[in-house]
Amino acid sequence: MHEGFIAKELIDKAKEQGNVKKVTIEVGDLAHLPADELKDALEKRVDWEVEVIRIPGLVECRCGYRGEPKILEKAHDLTLFECPKCKKVPFKIIEGEEIVLKDVVVE
């Protein structure tokens, strides 16, 4: 129930802003929770509009590649990816592993 814990944190944070009508959440492709699972978890708990924006991953690899990794498998609490150039695991994630409450619309 990892998604339930994250959903509760986002809900509590949004409620601090007032009577919520809509939330916008950015979910990175390399985050530990798939965007659709988080959206489902939120929609089951609130009657607000929930918008989820996908943030592509950005990595650096020892081979010199800098860009979006090739995602091999994405599941609950698991993201397997590789460098599309050399097929190895990139050594540095620059962005795309975050889950961020980006915007809250209140009455």
PDB file of N, CA and C in Angstrom:
ATOM      1  N   MET A   1       0.822  -1.209   0.000  1.00  0.00           N
ATOM      2  CA  MET A   1       0.000   0.000   0.000  1.00  0.00           C
ATOM      3  C   MET A   1       0.858   1.263   0.000  1.00  0.00           C
ATOM      4  N   HIS A   2       1.989   1.185  -0.622  1.00  0.00           N
ATOM      5  CA  HIS A   2       2.891   2.321  -0.759  1.00  0.00           C
ATOM      6  C   HIS A   2       2.161   3.532  -1.359  1.00  0.00           C
ATOM      7  N   GLU A   3       1.323   3.260  -2.367  1.00  0.00           N
ATOM      8  CA  GLU A   3       0.605   4.357  -3.014  1.00  0.00           C
ATOM      9  C   GLU A   3      -0.375   5.032  -2.069  1.00  0.00           C
ATOM     10  N   GLY A   4      -0.929   4.284  -1.123  1.00  0.00           N
ATOM     11  CA  GLY A   4      -1.848   4.860  -0.144  1.00  0.00           C
ATOM     12  C   GLY A   4      -1.152   5.863   0.762  1.00  0.00           C
ATOM     13  N   PHE A   5       0.052   5.544   1.189  1.00  0.00           N
ATOM     14  CA  PHE A   5       0.828   6.445   2.035  1.00  0.00           C
ATOM     15  C   PHE A   5       1.172   7.730   1.280  1.00  0.00           C
ATOM     16  N   ILE A   6       1.632   7.598   0.039  1.00  0.00           N
ATOM     17  CA  ILE A   6       1.986   8.776  -0.763  1.00  0.00           C
ATOM     18  C   ILE A   6       0.740   9.604  -1.058  1.00  0.00           C
ATOM     19  N   ALA A   7      -0.370   8.935  -1.386  1.00  0.00           N
ATOM     20  CA  ALA A   7      -1.625   9.649  -1.647  1.00  0.00           C
ATOM     21  C   ALA A   7      -2.054  10.440  -0.417  1.00  0.00           C
ATOM     22  N   LYS A   8      -1.965   9.841   0.766  1.00  0.00           N
ATOM     23  CA  LYS A   8      -2.360  10.536   2.000  1.00  0.00           C
ATOM     24  C   LYS A   8      -1.495  11.769   2.236  1.00  0.00           C
ATOM     25  N   GLU A   9      -0.187  11.641   2.014  1.00  0.00           N
ATOM     26  CA  GLU A   9       0.693  12.799   2.185  1.00  0.00           C
ATOM     27  C   GLU A   9       0.305  13.936   1.238  1.00  0.00           C
ATOM     28  N   LEU A  10       0.031  13.597  -0.024  1.00  0.00           N
ATOM     29  CA  LEU A  10      -0.355  14.613  -1.010  1.00  0.00           C
ATOM     30  C   LEU A  10      -1.694  15.245  -0.656  1.00  0.00           C
ATOM     31  N   ILE A  11      -2.638  14.434  -0.209  1.00  0.00           N
ATOM     32  CA  ILE A  11      -3.958  14.935   0.187  1.00  0.00           C
ATOM     33  C   ILE A  11      -3.822  15.896   1.367  1.00  0.00           C
ATOM     34  N   ASP A  12      -3.076  15.494   2.381  1.00  0.00           N
ATOM     35  CA  ASP A  12      -2.889  16.351   3.562  1.00  0.00           C
ATOM     36  C   ASP A  12      -2.234  17.678   3.180  1.00  0.00           C
ATOM     37  N   LYS A  13      -1.243  17.611   2.319  1.00  0.00           N
ATOM     38  CA  LYS A  13      -0.546  18.826   1.884  1.00  0.00           C
ATOM     39  C   LYS A  13      -1.491  19.740   1.098  1.00  0.00           C
ATOM     40  N   ALA A  14      -2.305  19.156   0.232  1.00  0.00           N
ATOM     41  CA  ALA A  14      -3.257  19.952  -0.562  1.00  0.00           C
ATOM     42  C   ALA A  14      -4.306  20.604   0.341  1.00  0.00           C
ATOM     43  N   LYS A  15      -4.805  19.867   1.321  1.00  0.00           N
ATOM     44  CA  LYS A  15      -5.844  20.387   2.219  1.00  0.00           C
ATOM     45  C   LYS A  15      -5.365  21.581   3.029  1.00  0.00           C
ATOM     46  N   GLU A  16      -4.068  21.708   3.233  1.00  0.00           N
ATOM     47  CA  GLU A  16      -3.530  22.868   3.945  1.00  0.00           C
ATOM     48  C   GLU A  16      -3.820  24.168   3.203  1.00  0.00           C
ATOM     49  N   GLN A  17      -4.105  24.074   1.900  1.00  0.00           N
ATOM     50  CA  GLN A  17      -4.349  25.259   1.078  1.00  0.00           C
ATOM     51  C   GLN A  17      -5.799  25.741   1.144  1.00  0.00           C
ATOM     52  N   GLY A  18      -6.712  24.914   1.650  1.00  0.00           N
ATOM     53  CA  GLY A  18      -8.120  25.304   1.730  1.00  0.00           C
ATOM     54  C   GLY A  18      -9.029  24.221   1.186  1.00  0.00           C
ATOM     55  N   ASN A  19     -10.203  24.648   0.677  1.00  0.00           N
ATOM     56  CA  ASN A  19     -11.206  23.731   0.135  1.00  0.00           C
ATOM     57  C   ASN A  19     -10.804  23.349  -1.296  1.00  0.00           C
ATOM     58  N   VAL A  20     -10.205  22.201  -1.455  1.00  0.00           N
ATOM     59  CA  VAL A  20      -9.576  21.786  -2.708  1.00  0.00           C
ATOM     60  C   VAL A  20     -10.604  21.395  -3.770  1.00  0.00           C
ATOM     61  N   LYS A  21     -10.370  21.852  -4.985  1.00  0.00           N
ATOM     62  CA  LYS A  21     -11.178  21.483  -6.151  1.00  0.00           C
ATOM     63  C   LYS A  21     -10.387  20.645  -7.147  1.00  0.00           C
ATOM     64  N   LYS A  22      -9.085  20.917  -7.232  1.00  0.00           N
ATOM     65  CA  LYS A  22      -8.249  20.225  -8.213  1.00  0.00           C
ATOM     66  C   LYS A  22      -6.802  20.224  -7.738  1.00  0.00           C
ATOM     67  N   VAL A  23      -6.099  19.123  -8.027  1.00  0.00           N
ATOM     68  CA  VAL A  23      -4.659  19.054  -7.780  1.00  0.00           C
ATOM     69  C   VAL A  23      -3.958  18.637  -9.062  1.00  0.00           C
ATOM     70  N   THR A  24      -2.766  19.167  -9.228  1.00  0.00           N
ATOM     71  CA  THR A  24      -1.904  18.763 -10.335  1.00  0.00           C
ATOM     72  C   THR A  24      -0.636  18.198  -9.714  1.00  0.00           C
ATOM     73  N   ILE A  25      -0.309  16.987 -10.141  1.00  0.00           N
ATOM     74  CA  ILE A  25       0.846  16.283  -9.588  1.00  0.00           C
ATOM     75  C   ILE A  25       1.760  15.874 -10.726  1.00  0.00           C
ATOM     76  N   GLU A  26       3.052  16.127 -10.551  1.00  0.00           N
ATOM     77  CA  GLU A  26       4.050  15.679 -11.508  1.00  0.00           C
ATOM     78  C   GLU A  26       4.642  14.367 -10.995  1.00  0.00           C
ATOM     79  N   VAL A  27       4.682  13.377 -11.882  1.00  0.00           N
ATOM     80  CA  VAL A  27       5.223  12.073 -11.524  1.00  0.00           C
ATOM     81  C   VAL A  27       6.298  11.720 -12.543  1.00  0.00           C
ATOM     82  N   GLY A  28       7.508  11.556 -12.054  1.00  0.00           N
ATOM     83  CA  GLY A  28       8.611  11.203 -12.924  1.00  0.00           C
ATOM     84  C   GLY A  28       8.535   9.760 -13.395  1.00  0.00           C
ATOM     85  N   ASP A  29       8.986   9.531 -14.617  1.00  0.00           N
ATOM     86  CA  ASP A  29       9.005   8.177 -15.172  1.00  0.00           C
ATOM     87  C   ASP A  29       9.850   7.211 -14.350  1.00  0.00           C
ATOM     88  N   LEU A  30      10.805   7.734 -13.592  1.00  0.00           N
ATOM     89  CA  LEU A  30      11.691   6.888 -12.795  1.00  0.00           C
ATOM     90  C   LEU A  30      11.289   6.857 -11.325  1.00  0.00           C
ATOM     91  N   ALA A  31      10.147   7.462 -10.993  1.00  0.00           N
ATOM     92  CA  ALA A  31       9.650   7.449  -9.610  1.00  0.00           C
ATOM     93  C   ALA A  31       9.326   6.017  -9.204  1.00  0.00           C
ATOM     94  N   HIS A  32       9.296   5.771  -7.903  1.00  0.00           N
ATOM     95  CA  HIS A  32       9.064   4.426  -7.401  1.00  0.00           C
ATOM     96  C   HIS A  32       7.608   3.991  -7.464  1.00  0.00           C
ATOM     97  N   LEU A  33       6.742   4.830  -8.021  1.00  0.00           N
ATOM     98  CA  LEU A  33       5.326   4.503  -8.141  1.00  0.00           C
ATOM     99  C   LEU A  33       4.828   4.943  -9.513  1.00  0.00           C
ATOM    100  N   PRO A  34       4.216   4.052 -10.276  1.00  0.00           N
ATOM    101  CA  PRO A  34       3.681   4.449 -11.578  1.00  0.00           C
ATOM    102  C   PRO A  34       2.605   5.531 -11.437  1.00  0.00           C
ATOM    103  N   ALA A  35       2.589   6.459 -12.367  1.00  0.00           N
ATOM    104  CA  ALA A  35       1.652   7.586 -12.330  1.00  0.00           C
ATOM    105  C   ALA A  35       0.201   7.121 -12.266  1.00  0.00           C
ATOM    106  N   ASP A  36      -0.157   6.092 -13.021  1.00  0.00           N
ATOM    107  CA  ASP A  36      -1.546   5.632 -13.034  1.00  0.00           C
ATOM    108  C   ASP A  36      -1.970   5.041 -11.687  1.00  0.00           C
ATOM    109  N   GLU A  37      -1.042   4.365 -10.994  1.00  0.00           N
ATOM    110  CA  GLU A  37      -1.370   3.830  -9.668  1.00  0.00           C
ATOM    111  C   GLU A  37      -1.604   4.958  -8.666  1.00  0.00           C
ATOM    112  N   LEU A  38      -0.786   5.998  -8.740  1.00  0.00           N
ATOM    113  CA  LEU A  38      -0.963   7.131  -7.840  1.00  0.00           C
ATOM    114  C   LEU A  38      -2.273   7.850  -8.129  1.00  0.00           C
ATOM    115  N   LYS A  39      -2.561   8.051  -9.397  1.00  0.00           N
ATOM    116  CA  LYS A  39      -3.821   8.726  -9.770  1.00  0.00           C
ATOM    117  C   LYS A  39      -5.019   7.929  -9.264  1.00  0.00           C
ATOM    118  N   ASP A  40      -5.008   6.607  -9.456  1.00  0.00           N
ATOM    119  CA  ASP A  40      -6.100   5.760  -8.965  1.00  0.00           C
ATOM    120  C   ASP A  40      -6.245   5.868  -7.454  1.00  0.00           C
ATOM    121  N   ALA A  41      -5.124   5.841  -6.738  1.00  0.00           N
ATOM    122  CA  ALA A  41      -5.156   5.920  -5.279  1.00  0.00           C
ATOM    123  C   ALA A  41      -5.756   7.243  -4.816  1.00  0.00           C
ATOM    124  N   LEU A  42      -5.400   8.325  -5.482  1.00  0.00           N
ATOM    125  CA  LEU A  42      -5.953   9.638  -5.118  1.00  0.00           C
ATOM    126  C   LEU A  42      -7.438   9.719  -5.438  1.00  0.00           C
ATOM    127  N   GLU A  43      -7.817   9.266  -6.626  1.00  0.00           N
ATOM    128  CA  GLU A  43      -9.223   9.365  -7.035  1.00  0.00           C
ATOM    129  C   GLU A  43     -10.149   8.522  -6.161  1.00  0.00           C
ATOM    130  N   LYS A  44      -9.629   7.478  -5.537  1.00  0.00           N
ATOM    131  CA  LYS A  44     -10.435   6.655  -4.628  1.00  0.00           C
ATOM    132  C   LYS A  44     -10.649   7.348  -3.292  1.00  0.00           C
ATOM    133  N   ARG A  45      -9.807   8.330  -2.969  1.00  0.00           N
ATOM    134  CA  ARG A  45      -9.844   8.968  -1.653  1.00  0.00           C
ATOM    135  C   ARG A  45     -10.458  10.366  -1.636  1.00  0.00           C
ATOM    136  N   VAL A  46     -10.539  11.014  -2.798  1.00  0.00           N
ATOM    137  CA  VAL A  46     -11.043  12.394  -2.846  1.00  0.00           C
ATOM    138  C   VAL A  46     -12.034  12.555  -3.998  1.00  0.00           C
ATOM    139  N   ASP A  47     -12.802  13.646  -3.932  1.00  0.00           N
ATOM    140  CA  ASP A  47     -13.713  13.940  -5.042  1.00  0.00           C
ATOM    141  C   ASP A  47     -13.208  15.126  -5.871  1.00  0.00           C
ATOM    142  N   TRP A  48     -11.944  15.446  -5.744  1.00  0.00           N
ATOM    143  CA  TRP A  48     -11.332  16.521  -6.508  1.00  0.00           C
ATOM    144  C   TRP A  48     -10.959  16.023  -7.891  1.00  0.00           C
ATOM    145  N   GLU A  49     -10.737  16.963  -8.784  1.00  0.00           N
ATOM    146  CA  GLU A  49     -10.147  16.620 -10.072  1.00  0.00           C
ATOM    147  C   GLU A  49      -8.658  16.370  -9.830  1.00  0.00           C
ATOM    148  N   VAL A  50      -8.159  15.290 -10.386  1.00  0.00           N
ATOM    149  CA  VAL A  50      -6.750  14.925 -10.215  1.00  0.00           C
ATOM    150  C   VAL A  50      -6.092  14.887 -11.591  1.00  0.00           C
ATOM    151  N   GLU A  51      -5.119  15.760 -11.786  1.00  0.00           N
ATOM    152  CA  GLU A  51      -4.361  15.779 -13.038  1.00  0.00           C
ATOM    153  C   GLU A  51      -2.940  15.310 -12.740  1.00  0.00           C
ATOM    154  N   VAL A  52      -2.473  14.360 -13.535  1.00  0.00           N
ATOM    155  CA  VAL A  52      -1.118  13.848 -13.373  1.00  0.00           C
ATOM    156  C   VAL A  52      -0.329  14.160 -14.637  1.00  0.00           C
ATOM    157  N   ILE A  53       0.813  14.778 -14.443  1.00  0.00           N
ATOM    158  CA  ILE A  53       1.688  15.145 -15.566  1.00  0.00           C
ATOM    159  C   ILE A  53       2.929  14.264 -15.512  1.00  0.00           C
ATOM    160  N   ARG A  54       3.217  13.617 -16.620  1.00  0.00           N
ATOM    161  CA  ARG A  54       4.387  12.746 -16.729  1.00  0.00           C
ATOM    162  C   ARG A  54       5.640  13.595 -16.946  1.00  0.00           C
ATOM    163  N   ILE A  55       6.665  13.319 -16.150  1.00  0.00           N
ATOM    164  CA  ILE A  55       7.958  13.973 -16.297  1.00  0.00           C
ATOM    165  C   ILE A  55       8.949  12.914 -16.790  1.00  0.00           C
ATOM    166  N   PRO A  56       9.489  13.084 -17.990  1.00  0.00           N
ATOM    167  CA  PRO A  56      10.437  12.094 -18.505  1.00  0.00           C
ATOM    168  C   PRO A  56      11.692  12.013 -17.646  1.00  0.00           C
ATOM    169  N   GLY A  57      12.275  10.842 -17.616  1.00  0.00           N
ATOM    170  CA  GLY A  57      13.540  10.666 -16.911  1.00  0.00           C
ATOM    171  C   GLY A  57      14.673  11.285 -17.704  1.00  0.00           C
ATOM    172  N   LEU A  58      15.675  11.737 -16.993  1.00  0.00           N
ATOM    173  CA  LEU A  58      16.882  12.278 -17.609  1.00  0.00           C
ATOM    174  C   LEU A  58      18.063  11.667 -16.870  1.00  0.00           C
ATOM    175  N   VAL A  59      18.946  11.005 -17.633  1.00  0.00           N
ATOM    176  CA  VAL A  59      20.089  10.319 -17.028  1.00  0.00           C
ATOM    177  C   VAL A  59      21.374  10.686 -17.750  1.00  0.00           C
ATOM    178  N   GLU A  60      22.480  10.418 -17.053  1.00  0.00           N
ATOM    179  CA  GLU A  60      23.806  10.498 -17.658  1.00  0.00           C
ATOM    180  C   GLU A  60      24.430   9.115 -17.549  1.00  0.00           C
ATOM    181  N   CYS A  61      25.119   8.713 -18.594  1.00  0.00           N
ATOM    182  CA  CYS A  61      25.758   7.407 -18.613  1.00  0.00           C
ATOM    183  C   CYS A  61      27.261   7.581 -18.815  1.00  0.00           C
ATOM    184  N   ARG A  62      28.019   6.609 -18.364  1.00  0.00           N
ATOM    185  CA  ARG A  62      29.475   6.642 -18.533  1.00  0.00           C
ATOM    186  C   ARG A  62      29.885   6.644 -20.000  1.00  0.00           C
ATOM    187  N   CYS A  63      29.016   6.155 -20.871  1.00  0.00           N
ATOM    188  CA  CYS A  63      29.337   6.121 -22.302  1.00  0.00           C
ATOM    189  C   CYS A  63      29.220   7.496 -22.954  1.00  0.00           C
ATOM    190  N   GLY A  64      28.730   8.488 -22.194  1.00  0.00           N
ATOM    191  CA  GLY A  64      28.591   9.837 -22.724  1.00  0.00           C
ATOM    192  C   GLY A  64      27.157  10.219 -23.057  1.00  0.00           C
ATOM    193  N   TYR A  65      26.255   9.252 -23.022  1.00  0.00           N
ATOM    194  CA  TYR A  65      24.842   9.533 -23.317  1.00  0.00           C
ATOM    195  C   TYR A  65      24.228  10.372 -22.205  1.00  0.00           C
ATOM    196  N   ARG A  66      23.448  11.351 -22.593  1.00  0.00           N
ATOM    197  CA  ARG A  66      22.658  12.162 -21.659  1.00  0.00           C
ATOM    198  C   ARG A  66      21.293  12.326 -22.302  1.00  0.00           C
ATOM    199  N   GLY A  67      20.278  11.814 -21.648  1.00  0.00           N
ATOM    200  CA  GLY A  67      18.934  11.899 -22.197  1.00  0.00           C
ATOM    201  C   GLY A  67      17.995  10.956 -21.477  1.00  0.00           C
ATOM    202  N   GLU A  68      16.898  10.630 -22.140  1.00  0.00           N
ATOM    203  CA  GLU A  68      15.868   9.781 -21.575  1.00  0.00           C
ATOM    204  C   GLU A  68      16.315   8.316 -21.631  1.00  0.00           C
ATOM    205  N   PRO A  69      16.216   7.603 -20.515  1.00  0.00           N
ATOM    206  CA  PRO A  69      16.611   6.200 -20.533  1.00  0.00           C
ATOM    207  C   PRO A  69      15.543   5.331 -21.188  1.00  0.00           C
ATOM    208  N   LYS A  70      15.928   4.138 -21.561  1.00  0.00           N
ATOM    209  CA  LYS A  70      14.970   3.156 -22.064  1.00  0.00           C
ATOM    210  C   LYS A  70      14.426   2.405 -20.855  1.00  0.00           C
ATOM    211  N   ILE A  71      13.120   2.508 -20.620  1.00  0.00           N
ATOM    212  CA  ILE A  71      12.499   1.827 -19.489  1.00  0.00           C
ATOM    213  C   ILE A  71      12.154   0.409 -19.922  1.00  0.00           C
ATOM    214  N   LEU A  72      12.721  -0.556 -19.214  1.00  0.00           N
ATOM    215  CA  LEU A  72      12.520  -1.965 -19.532  1.00  0.00           C
ATOM    216  C   LEU A  72      11.297  -2.537 -18.833  1.00  0.00           C
ATOM    217  N   GLU A  73      11.067  -2.082 -17.587  1.00  0.00           N
ATOM    218  CA  GLU A  73       9.932  -2.560 -16.819  1.00  0.00           C
ATOM    219  C   GLU A  73       9.549  -1.508 -15.792  1.00  0.00           C
ATOM    220  N   LYS A  74       8.249  -1.276 -15.666  1.00  0.00           N
ATOM    221  CA  LYS A  74       7.733  -0.311 -14.693  1.00  0.00           C
ATOM    222  C   LYS A  74       6.625  -1.000 -13.923  1.00  0.00           C
ATOM    223  N   ALA A  75       6.806  -1.123 -12.626  1.00  0.00           N
ATOM    224  CA  ALA A  75       5.816  -1.753 -11.771  1.00  0.00           C
ATOM    225  C   ALA A  75       5.817  -1.045 -10.425  1.00  0.00           C
ATOM    226  N   HIS A  76       4.953  -1.496  -9.549  1.00  0.00           N
ATOM    227  CA  HIS A  76       4.871  -0.920  -8.210  1.00  0.00           C
ATOM    228  C   HIS A  76       6.215  -1.062  -7.504  1.00  0.00           C
ATOM    229  N   ASP A  77       6.794   0.057  -7.134  1.00  0.00           N
ATOM    230  CA  ASP A  77       8.059   0.114  -6.400  1.00  0.00           C
ATOM    231  C   ASP A  77       9.249  -0.464  -7.181  1.00  0.00           C
ATOM    232  N   LEU A  78       9.147  -0.463  -8.527  1.00  0.00           N
ATOM    233  CA  LEU A  78      10.223  -1.004  -9.347  1.00  0.00           C
ATOM    234  C   LEU A  78      10.242  -0.321 -10.713  1.00  0.00           C
ATOM    235  N   THR A  79      11.391   0.207 -11.083  1.00  0.00           N
ATOM    236  CA  THR A  79      11.604   0.732 -12.426  1.00  0.00           C
ATOM    237  C   THR A  79      12.960   0.231 -12.897  1.00  0.00           C
ATOM    238  N   LEU A  80      12.937  -0.573 -13.938  1.00  0.00           N
ATOM    239  CA  LEU A  80      14.180  -1.052 -14.529  1.00  0.00           C
ATOM    240  C   LEU A  80      14.403  -0.287 -15.823  1.00  0.00           C
ATOM    241  N   PHE A  81      15.602   0.274 -15.954  1.00  0.00           N
ATOM    242  CA  PHE A  81      15.903   1.052 -17.151  1.00  0.00           C
ATOM    243  C   PHE A  81      17.363   0.883 -17.524  1.00  0.00           C
ATOM    244  N   GLU A  82      17.665   1.248 -18.770  1.00  0.00           N
ATOM    245  CA  GLU A  82      19.038   1.154 -19.250  1.00  0.00           C
ATOM    246  C   GLU A  82      19.338   2.314 -20.182  1.00  0.00           C
ATOM    247  N   CYS A  83      20.607   2.506 -20.461  1.00  0.00           N
ATOM    248  CA  CYS A  83      21.042   3.498 -21.428  1.00  0.00           C
ATOM    249  C   CYS A  83      20.672   2.983 -22.825  1.00  0.00           C
ATOM    250  N   PRO A  84      19.977   3.776 -23.619  1.00  0.00           N
ATOM    251  CA  PRO A  84      19.611   3.311 -24.954  1.00  0.00           C
ATOM    252  C   PRO A  84      20.802   3.184 -25.907  1.00  0.00           C
ATOM    253  N   LYS A  85      21.919   3.791 -25.522  1.00  0.00           N
ATOM    254  CA  LYS A  85      23.111   3.756 -26.378  1.00  0.00           C
ATOM    255  C   LYS A  85      23.976   2.521 -26.119  1.00  0.00           C
ATOM    256  N   CYS A  86      24.339   2.281 -24.847  1.00  0.00           N
ATOM    257  CA  CYS A  86      25.270   1.181 -24.535  1.00  0.00           C
ATOM    258  C   CYS A  86      24.606  -0.006 -23.837  1.00  0.00           C
ATOM    259  N   LYS A  87      23.324   0.148 -23.468  1.00  0.00           N
ATOM    260  CA  LYS A  87      22.531  -0.914 -22.812  1.00  0.00           C
ATOM    261  C   LYS A  87      22.948  -1.197 -21.364  1.00  0.00           C
ATOM    262  N   LYS A  88      23.731  -0.318 -20.750  1.00  0.00           N
ATOM    263  CA  LYS A  88      24.117  -0.479 -19.345  1.00  0.00           C
ATOM    264  C   LYS A  88      23.261   0.439 -18.475  1.00  0.00           C
ATOM    265  N   VAL A  89      23.350   0.235 -17.183  1.00  0.00           N
ATOM    266  CA  VAL A  89      22.596   1.079 -16.245  1.00  0.00           C
ATOM    267  C   VAL A  89      23.325   2.418 -16.131  1.00  0.00           C
ATOM    268  N   PRO A  90      22.636   3.531 -16.443  1.00  0.00           N
ATOM    269  CA  PRO A  90      23.273   4.853 -16.306  1.00  0.00           C
ATOM    270  C   PRO A  90      23.694   5.107 -14.857  1.00  0.00           C
ATOM    271  N   PHE A  91      24.787   5.818 -14.691  1.00  0.00           N
ATOM    272  CA  PHE A  91      25.323   6.017 -13.345  1.00  0.00           C
ATOM    273  C   PHE A  91      24.680   7.172 -12.596  1.00  0.00           C
ATOM    274  N   LYS A  92      23.963   8.051 -13.304  1.00  0.00           N
ATOM    275  CA  LYS A  92      23.417   9.220 -12.618  1.00  0.00           C
ATOM    276  C   LYS A  92      22.023   9.549 -13.146  1.00  0.00           C
ATOM    277  N   ILE A  93      21.060   9.661 -12.215  1.00  0.00           N
ATOM    278  CA  ILE A  93      19.717  10.140 -12.550  1.00  0.00           C
ATOM    279  C   ILE A  93      19.712  11.638 -12.289  1.00  0.00           C
ATOM    280  N   ILE A  94      19.375  12.410 -13.306  1.00  0.00           N
ATOM    281  CA  ILE A  94      19.348  13.864 -13.173  1.00  0.00           C
ATOM    282  C   ILE A  94      17.948  14.341 -12.789  1.00  0.00           C
ATOM    283  N   GLU A  95      16.928  13.791 -13.444  1.00  0.00           N
ATOM    284  CA  GLU A  95      15.554  14.124 -13.059  1.00  0.00           C
ATOM    285  C   GLU A  95      14.609  13.020 -13.498  1.00  0.00           C
ATOM    286  N   GLY A  96      13.412  13.072 -12.916  1.00  0.00           N
ATOM    287  CA  GLY A  96      12.393  12.113 -13.299  1.00  0.00           C
ATOM    288  C   GLY A  96      12.117  11.047 -12.266  1.00  0.00           C
ATOM    289  N   GLU A  97      12.643  11.204 -11.038  1.00  0.00           N
ATOM    290  CA  GLU A  97      12.343  10.218 -10.002  1.00  0.00           C
ATOM    291  C   GLU A  97      11.488  10.819  -8.878  1.00  0.00           C
ATOM    292  N   GLU A  98      10.982  12.021  -9.094  1.00  0.00           N
ATOM    293  CA  GLU A  98      10.226  12.715  -8.068  1.00  0.00           C
ATOM    294  C   GLU A  98       8.717  12.592  -8.282  1.00  0.00           C
ATOM    295  N   ILE A  99       7.993  12.773  -7.182  1.00  0.00           N
ATOM    296  CA  ILE A  99       6.543  12.941  -7.186  1.00  0.00           C
ATOM    297  C   ILE A  99       6.301  14.274  -6.493  1.00  0.00           C
ATOM    298  N   VAL A 100       5.720  15.232  -7.224  1.00  0.00           N
ATOM    299  CA  VAL A 100       5.612  16.599  -6.717  1.00  0.00           C
ATOM    300  C   VAL A 100       4.171  17.102  -6.830  1.00  0.00           C
ATOM    301  N   LEU A 101       3.650  17.644  -5.735  1.00  0.00           N
ATOM    302  CA  LEU A 101       2.365  18.339  -5.766  1.00  0.00           C
ATOM    303  C   LEU A 101       2.632  19.705  -6.378  1.00  0.00           C
ATOM    304  N   LYS A 102       2.281  19.860  -7.627  1.00  0.00           N
ATOM    305  CA  LYS A 102       2.661  21.046  -8.395  1.00  0.00           C
ATOM    306  C   LYS A 102       1.679  22.213  -8.214  1.00  0.00           C
ATOM    307  N   ASP A 103       0.375  21.903  -8.141  1.00  0.00           N
ATOM    308  CA  ASP A 103      -0.604  22.984  -8.084  1.00  0.00           C
ATOM    309  C   ASP A 103      -1.853  22.495  -7.337  1.00  0.00           C
ATOM    310  N   VAL A 104      -2.439  23.405  -6.574  1.00  0.00           N
ATOM    311  CA  VAL A 104      -3.676  23.125  -5.861  1.00  0.00           C
ATOM    312  C   VAL A 104      -4.662  24.253  -6.177  1.00  0.00           C
ATOM    313  N   VAL A 105      -5.832  23.888  -6.685  1.00  0.00           N
ATOM    314  CA  VAL A 105      -6.875  24.867  -6.959  1.00  0.00           C
ATOM    315  C   VAL A 105      -7.911  24.726  -5.842  1.00  0.00           C
ATOM    316  N   VAL A 106      -8.210  25.852  -5.186  1.00  0.00           N
ATOM    317  CA  VAL A 106      -9.176  25.858  -4.082  1.00  0.00           C
ATOM    318  C   VAL A 106     -10.348  26.777  -4.421  1.00  0.00           C
ATOM    319  N   GLU A 107     -11.434  26.613  -3.664  1.00  0.00           N
ATOM    320  CA  GLU A 107     -12.611  27.489  -3.840  1.00  0.00           C
ATOM    321  C   GLU A 107     -12.305  28.884  -3.366  1.00  0.00           C
TER     322      GLU A 107
END
